[in-house]
Amino acid sequence: MDEKLTFEKANERLDEVLNKMEIEGLTLEETMEYYEEAFRLFEFCFKQLNDSKKRIININERLEAIANEGELFEE
């Protein structure tokens, strides 16, 4: 997978590949190549989304910890 690939580029390419797969008259080999590319792109996008979710959870946990520390000093 291209190191400069972004989520946005991968998602756009995934749409293109899926549209091409809907074309009638593709050979089995062409269909399999598009299927494999679609899988790689989906996997990349899924990993990017999962990593982003983990980062958001981490930030929220840190914010909550800071907020809880502030509550201790208010009394």
N, C-alpha and C. Protein backbone atom coordinates (compact mmCIF):
# COMPACT_ATOMS: atom_id res chain seq x y z
N MET A 1 0.85 -1.18 0.00
CA MET A 1 0.00 0.00 0.00
C MET A 1 0.89 1.24 0.00
N ASP A 2 0.51 2.23 -0.76
CA ASP A 2 1.26 3.47 -0.90
C ASP A 2 1.38 4.16 0.46
N GLU A 3 2.61 4.54 0.84
CA GLU A 3 2.84 5.17 2.14
C GLU A 3 2.16 6.54 2.22
N LYS A 4 1.91 7.20 1.08
CA LYS A 4 1.29 8.51 1.07
C LYS A 4 -0.23 8.42 0.95
N LEU A 5 -0.76 7.23 0.99
CA LEU A 5 -2.19 7.04 0.88
C LEU A 5 -2.88 7.61 2.12
N THR A 6 -3.90 8.40 1.89
CA THR A 6 -4.69 8.95 2.99
C THR A 6 -6.04 8.24 3.03
N PHE A 7 -6.73 8.42 4.12
CA PHE A 7 -8.06 7.84 4.24
C PHE A 7 -8.96 8.33 3.11
N GLU A 8 -8.88 9.63 2.85
CA GLU A 8 -9.74 10.22 1.84
C GLU A 8 -9.45 9.65 0.45
N LYS A 9 -8.17 9.52 0.11
CA LYS A 9 -7.79 8.96 -1.19
C LYS A 9 -8.21 7.49 -1.29
N ALA A 10 -8.01 6.75 -0.22
CA ALA A 10 -8.37 5.33 -0.22
C ALA A 10 -9.87 5.16 -0.36
N ASN A 11 -10.62 5.97 0.34
CA ASN A 11 -12.08 5.89 0.29
C ASN A 11 -12.59 6.25 -1.11
N GLU A 12 -12.00 7.26 -1.72
CA GLU A 12 -12.37 7.65 -3.08
C GLU A 12 -12.06 6.52 -4.07
N ARG A 13 -10.87 5.94 -3.93
CA ARG A 13 -10.50 4.85 -4.83
C ARG A 13 -11.40 3.63 -4.61
N LEU A 14 -11.76 3.37 -3.37
CA LEU A 14 -12.66 2.27 -3.08
C LEU A 14 -13.99 2.46 -3.80
N ASP A 15 -14.52 3.67 -3.78
CA ASP A 15 -15.75 3.95 -4.52
C ASP A 15 -15.57 3.67 -6.02
N GLU A 16 -14.43 4.10 -6.56
CA GLU A 16 -14.15 3.87 -7.98
C GLU A 16 -14.11 2.37 -8.30
N VAL A 17 -13.41 1.63 -7.46
CA VAL A 17 -13.26 0.19 -7.69
C VAL A 17 -14.63 -0.50 -7.61
N LEU A 18 -15.42 -0.13 -6.62
CA LEU A 18 -16.73 -0.76 -6.48
C LEU A 18 -17.62 -0.44 -7.68
N ASN A 19 -17.54 0.78 -8.18
CA ASN A 19 -18.30 1.14 -9.37
C ASN A 19 -17.85 0.32 -10.58
N LYS A 20 -16.55 0.12 -10.71
CA LYS A 20 -16.03 -0.69 -11.82
C LYS A 20 -16.48 -2.14 -11.71
N MET A 21 -16.60 -2.64 -10.50
CA MET A 21 -17.02 -4.02 -10.30
C MET A 21 -18.48 -4.24 -10.71
N GLU A 22 -19.25 -3.17 -10.75
CA GLU A 22 -20.65 -3.28 -11.14
C GLU A 22 -20.83 -3.35 -12.66
N ILE A 23 -19.77 -3.09 -13.40
CA ILE A 23 -19.83 -3.12 -14.86
C ILE A 23 -19.97 -4.56 -15.32
N GLU A 24 -20.91 -4.77 -16.20
CA GLU A 24 -21.08 -6.11 -16.76
C GLU A 24 -19.98 -6.36 -17.79
N GLY A 25 -19.63 -7.59 -17.95
CA GLY A 25 -18.66 -7.96 -18.97
C GLY A 25 -17.23 -8.04 -18.50
N LEU A 26 -16.99 -7.85 -17.21
CA LEU A 26 -15.63 -8.01 -16.70
C LEU A 26 -15.27 -9.49 -16.72
N THR A 27 -14.01 -9.74 -16.97
CA THR A 27 -13.56 -11.13 -16.90
C THR A 27 -13.44 -11.53 -15.44
N LEU A 28 -13.34 -12.80 -15.21
CA LEU A 28 -13.15 -13.28 -13.84
C LEU A 28 -11.88 -12.71 -13.25
N GLU A 29 -10.82 -12.67 -14.04
CA GLU A 29 -9.53 -12.14 -13.56
C GLU A 29 -9.65 -10.66 -13.19
N GLU A 30 -10.33 -9.87 -14.03
CA GLU A 30 -10.53 -8.45 -13.73
C GLU A 30 -11.34 -8.28 -12.45
N THR A 31 -12.38 -9.08 -12.33
CA THR A 31 -13.22 -9.01 -11.14
C THR A 31 -12.42 -9.35 -9.89
N MET A 32 -11.59 -10.37 -9.97
CA MET A 32 -10.78 -10.76 -8.81
C MET A 32 -9.76 -9.68 -8.46
N GLU A 33 -9.16 -9.05 -9.45
CA GLU A 33 -8.19 -7.98 -9.18
C GLU A 33 -8.87 -6.80 -8.48
N TYR A 34 -10.06 -6.42 -8.97
CA TYR A 34 -10.80 -5.34 -8.32
C TYR A 34 -11.23 -5.75 -6.92
N TYR A 35 -11.64 -6.99 -6.75
CA TYR A 35 -12.06 -7.48 -5.44
C TYR A 35 -10.91 -7.41 -4.44
N GLU A 36 -9.74 -7.85 -4.86
CA GLU A 36 -8.57 -7.82 -3.98
C GLU A 36 -8.18 -6.38 -3.65
N GLU A 37 -8.23 -5.49 -4.64
CA GLU A 37 -7.91 -4.09 -4.37
C GLU A 37 -8.93 -3.49 -3.41
N ALA A 38 -10.20 -3.80 -3.64
CA ALA A 38 -11.25 -3.28 -2.76
C ALA A 38 -11.03 -3.75 -1.32
N PHE A 39 -10.64 -5.01 -1.16
CA PHE A 39 -10.38 -5.53 0.18
C PHE A 39 -9.23 -4.77 0.84
N ARG A 40 -8.14 -4.57 0.11
CA ARG A 40 -6.98 -3.84 0.67
C ARG A 40 -7.36 -2.41 1.06
N LEU A 41 -8.14 -1.76 0.21
CA LEU A 41 -8.56 -0.39 0.51
C LEU A 41 -9.50 -0.35 1.71
N PHE A 42 -10.44 -1.29 1.77
CA PHE A 42 -11.35 -1.37 2.91
C PHE A 42 -10.57 -1.60 4.20
N GLU A 43 -9.61 -2.52 4.14
CA GLU A 43 -8.79 -2.82 5.32
C GLU A 43 -8.04 -1.58 5.78
N PHE A 44 -7.46 -0.84 4.83
CA PHE A 44 -6.73 0.39 5.15
C PHE A 44 -7.67 1.40 5.80
N CYS A 45 -8.84 1.63 5.20
CA CYS A 45 -9.79 2.60 5.74
C CYS A 45 -10.28 2.19 7.13
N PHE A 46 -10.57 0.90 7.30
CA PHE A 46 -11.02 0.41 8.59
C PHE A 46 -9.96 0.64 9.67
N LYS A 47 -8.71 0.37 9.33
CA LYS A 47 -7.61 0.58 10.29
C LYS A 47 -7.48 2.06 10.64
N GLN A 48 -7.59 2.92 9.64
CA GLN A 48 -7.51 4.36 9.89
C GLN A 48 -8.63 4.82 10.83
N LEU A 49 -9.84 4.34 10.57
CA LEU A 49 -10.97 4.72 11.43
C LEU A 49 -10.80 4.17 12.84
N ASN A 50 -10.34 2.94 12.95
CA ASN A 50 -10.14 2.33 14.26
C ASN A 50 -9.05 3.07 15.04
N ASP A 51 -7.96 3.42 14.37
CA ASP A 51 -6.89 4.18 15.02
C ASP A 51 -7.40 5.55 15.48
N SER A 52 -8.20 6.20 14.66
CA SER A 52 -8.76 7.50 15.03
C SER A 52 -9.68 7.37 16.24
N LYS A 53 -10.48 6.32 16.25
CA LYS A 53 -11.37 6.09 17.38
C LYS A 53 -10.57 5.92 18.67
N LYS A 54 -9.48 5.14 18.61
CA LYS A 54 -8.63 4.94 19.79
C LYS A 54 -8.03 6.26 20.27
N ARG A 55 -7.60 7.10 19.32
CA ARG A 55 -7.03 8.40 19.69
C ARG A 55 -8.08 9.28 20.37
N ILE A 56 -9.30 9.26 19.85
CA ILE A 56 -10.38 10.06 20.45
C ILE A 56 -10.69 9.57 21.86
N ILE A 57 -10.76 8.27 22.04
CA ILE A 57 -11.02 7.71 23.36
C ILE A 57 -9.92 8.11 24.34
N ASN A 58 -8.67 8.03 23.88
CA ASN A 58 -7.54 8.41 24.72
C ASN A 58 -7.62 9.88 25.13
N ILE A 59 -7.92 10.75 24.19
CA ILE A 59 -8.02 12.18 24.48
C ILE A 59 -9.16 12.42 25.47
N ASN A 60 -10.31 11.78 25.24
CA ASN A 60 -11.44 11.96 26.14
C ASN A 60 -11.13 11.46 27.55
N GLU A 61 -10.41 10.36 27.67
CA GLU A 61 -10.03 9.86 28.98
C GLU A 61 -9.09 10.83 29.68
N ARG A 62 -8.17 11.40 28.93
CA ARG A 62 -7.25 12.39 29.51
C ARG A 62 -7.99 13.64 29.95
N LEU A 63 -8.94 14.09 29.13
CA LEU A 63 -9.75 15.26 29.51
C LEU A 63 -10.57 14.99 30.75
N GLU A 64 -11.14 13.79 30.82
CA GLU A 64 -11.93 13.42 32.00
C GLU A 64 -11.05 13.40 33.25
N ALA A 65 -9.84 12.87 33.12
CA ALA A 65 -8.92 12.83 34.27
C ALA A 65 -8.58 14.24 34.72
N ILE A 66 -8.34 15.14 33.77
CA ILE A 66 -8.03 16.53 34.13
C ILE A 66 -9.22 17.17 34.82
N ALA A 67 -10.41 16.93 34.29
CA ALA A 67 -11.63 17.49 34.88
C ALA A 67 -11.83 16.96 36.29
N ASN A 68 -11.59 15.68 36.50
CA ASN A 68 -11.74 15.09 37.83
C ASN A 68 -10.73 15.66 38.81
N GLU A 69 -9.52 15.94 38.36
CA GLU A 69 -8.50 16.54 39.23
C GLU A 69 -8.95 17.94 39.64
N GLY A 70 -9.56 18.66 38.72
CA GLY A 70 -10.07 20.00 39.02
C GLY A 70 -11.14 19.97 40.08
N GLU A 71 -11.98 18.96 40.06
CA GLU A 71 -13.05 18.81 41.05
C GLU A 71 -12.46 18.60 42.44
N LEU A 72 -11.34 17.92 42.54
CA LEU A 72 -10.72 17.67 43.84
C LEU A 72 -10.25 18.97 44.48
N PHE A 73 -9.82 19.92 43.66
CA PHE A 73 -9.28 21.17 44.21
C PHE A 73 -10.36 22.22 44.46
N GLU A 74 -11.58 21.99 44.04
CA GLU A 74 -12.64 22.97 44.24
C GLU A 74 -13.14 22.99 45.67
N GLU A 75 -13.00 21.94 46.40
CA GLU A 75 -13.55 21.85 47.76
C GLU A 75 -12.75 22.61 48.74
